[in-house]
Amino acid sequence: MTIREVHIHRADTTRDPIEPVVIRIEQEIPLPPWGAAEQSAALLTADGNALADAIWESCPGGTIDALLASLFARKASQFRVRFPQEAKS
């Protein structure tokens, strides 16, 4: 299996030193045992927070804005609000 690499620019380091960050997404998520919803939620939350921290602390604000716009566009159907006339159908 080959590993896909994505290279992006980090934030301006002239004022504050910002170390390069390597994000590895390589382990498969473990299958939780039945009734382990809390553990699964905790794992996903920890992963999401770690990813958000790495991006927030390292990327330029414009890159973060573009990432959020791209993610929201991909999940737009989950944020759609139905108009009253649509609820009837």
Protein backbone atom coordinates (compact mmCIF):
# COMPACT_ATOMS: atom_id res chain seq x y z
CA MET A 1 0.00 0.00 0.00
CA THR A 2 1.34 3.42 -0.90
CA ILE A 3 0.91 6.36 1.43
CA ARG A 4 -0.62 9.45 -0.13
CA GLU A 5 1.12 12.62 0.96
CA VAL A 6 -0.45 16.06 1.01
CA HIS A 7 1.88 19.03 1.37
CA ILE A 8 0.47 22.41 2.42
CA HIS A 9 1.92 25.68 3.64
CA ARG A 10 2.21 26.49 7.33
CA ALA A 11 1.50 29.86 8.89
CA ASP A 12 3.95 32.76 8.74
CA THR A 13 6.81 32.12 11.14
CA THR A 14 8.33 35.63 11.19
CA ARG A 15 6.60 36.60 14.44
CA ASP A 16 6.20 33.30 16.25
CA PRO A 17 8.05 30.10 15.49
CA ILE A 18 5.67 27.46 14.18
CA GLU A 19 7.02 23.97 13.92
CA PRO A 20 6.15 21.80 10.94
CA VAL A 21 3.47 19.20 11.68
CA VAL A 22 3.07 15.72 10.24
CA ILE A 23 -0.44 14.29 10.43
CA ARG A 24 -0.60 10.54 9.89
CA ILE A 25 -3.93 8.91 9.17
CA GLU A 26 -2.97 5.27 8.94
CA GLN A 27 -4.55 3.15 11.68
CA GLU A 28 -7.96 1.68 11.08
CA ILE A 29 -10.50 2.60 13.68
CA PRO A 30 -11.05 -0.33 16.05
CA LEU A 31 -14.43 -2.00 16.01
CA PRO A 32 -16.07 -1.29 19.36
CA PRO A 33 -17.75 -4.04 21.33
CA TRP A 34 -21.53 -3.85 21.61
CA GLY A 35 -22.61 -1.21 24.09
CA ALA A 36 -19.36 0.75 23.78
CA ALA A 37 -20.85 3.89 22.23
CA GLU A 38 -19.25 6.11 24.86
CA GLN A 39 -15.78 4.70 24.16
CA SER A 40 -16.26 5.12 20.41
CA ALA A 41 -17.45 8.69 20.86
CA ALA A 42 -14.48 9.45 23.12
CA LEU A 43 -12.02 8.04 20.57
CA LEU A 44 -13.56 10.00 17.70
CA THR A 45 -13.66 13.17 19.80
CA ALA A 46 -10.00 12.78 20.80
CA ASP A 47 -8.97 12.21 17.17
CA GLY A 48 -11.01 15.19 16.00
CA ASN A 49 -9.60 17.46 18.69
CA ALA A 50 -6.02 16.39 17.96
CA LEU A 51 -6.51 17.02 14.25
CA ALA A 52 -8.16 20.40 14.88
CA ASP A 53 -5.35 21.44 17.25
CA ALA A 54 -2.64 20.51 14.76
CA ILE A 55 -4.34 22.41 11.95
CA TRP A 56 -5.31 25.43 14.07
CA GLU A 57 -1.81 25.87 15.50
CA SER A 58 0.06 25.39 12.22
CA CYS A 59 -1.95 26.60 9.24
CA PRO A 60 -2.59 30.11 7.98
CA GLY A 61 -6.05 31.46 8.74
CA GLY A 62 -6.94 31.48 5.04
CA THR A 63 -6.15 27.79 4.76
CA ILE A 64 -8.35 27.07 7.77
CA ASP A 65 -11.17 29.13 6.23
CA ALA A 66 -10.86 27.25 2.94
CA LEU A 67 -10.81 23.90 4.76
CA LEU A 68 -13.96 24.74 6.72
CA ALA A 69 -15.72 25.92 3.56
CA SER A 70 -14.78 22.70 1.78
CA LEU A 71 -15.89 20.49 4.68
CA PHE A 72 -19.19 22.32 5.10
CA ALA A 73 -19.87 22.12 1.35
CA ARG A 74 -19.36 18.35 1.49
CA LYS A 75 -21.76 18.02 4.43
CA ALA A 76 -24.22 20.71 3.33
CA SER A 77 -27.14 18.30 3.15
CA GLN A 78 -26.87 17.69 6.89
CA PHE A 79 -27.20 21.43 7.59
CA ARG A 80 -30.13 22.03 5.25
CA VAL A 81 -33.29 23.36 6.85
CA ARG A 82 -36.56 22.33 5.23
CA PHE A 83 -39.06 25.00 4.40
CA PRO A 84 -42.60 24.40 5.74
CA GLN A 85 -43.98 23.71 2.26
CA GLU A 86 -41.30 21.00 1.76
CA ALA A 87 -42.22 19.17 4.97
CA LYS A 88 -45.58 18.15 3.45
CA SER A 89 -44.00 16.05 0.71
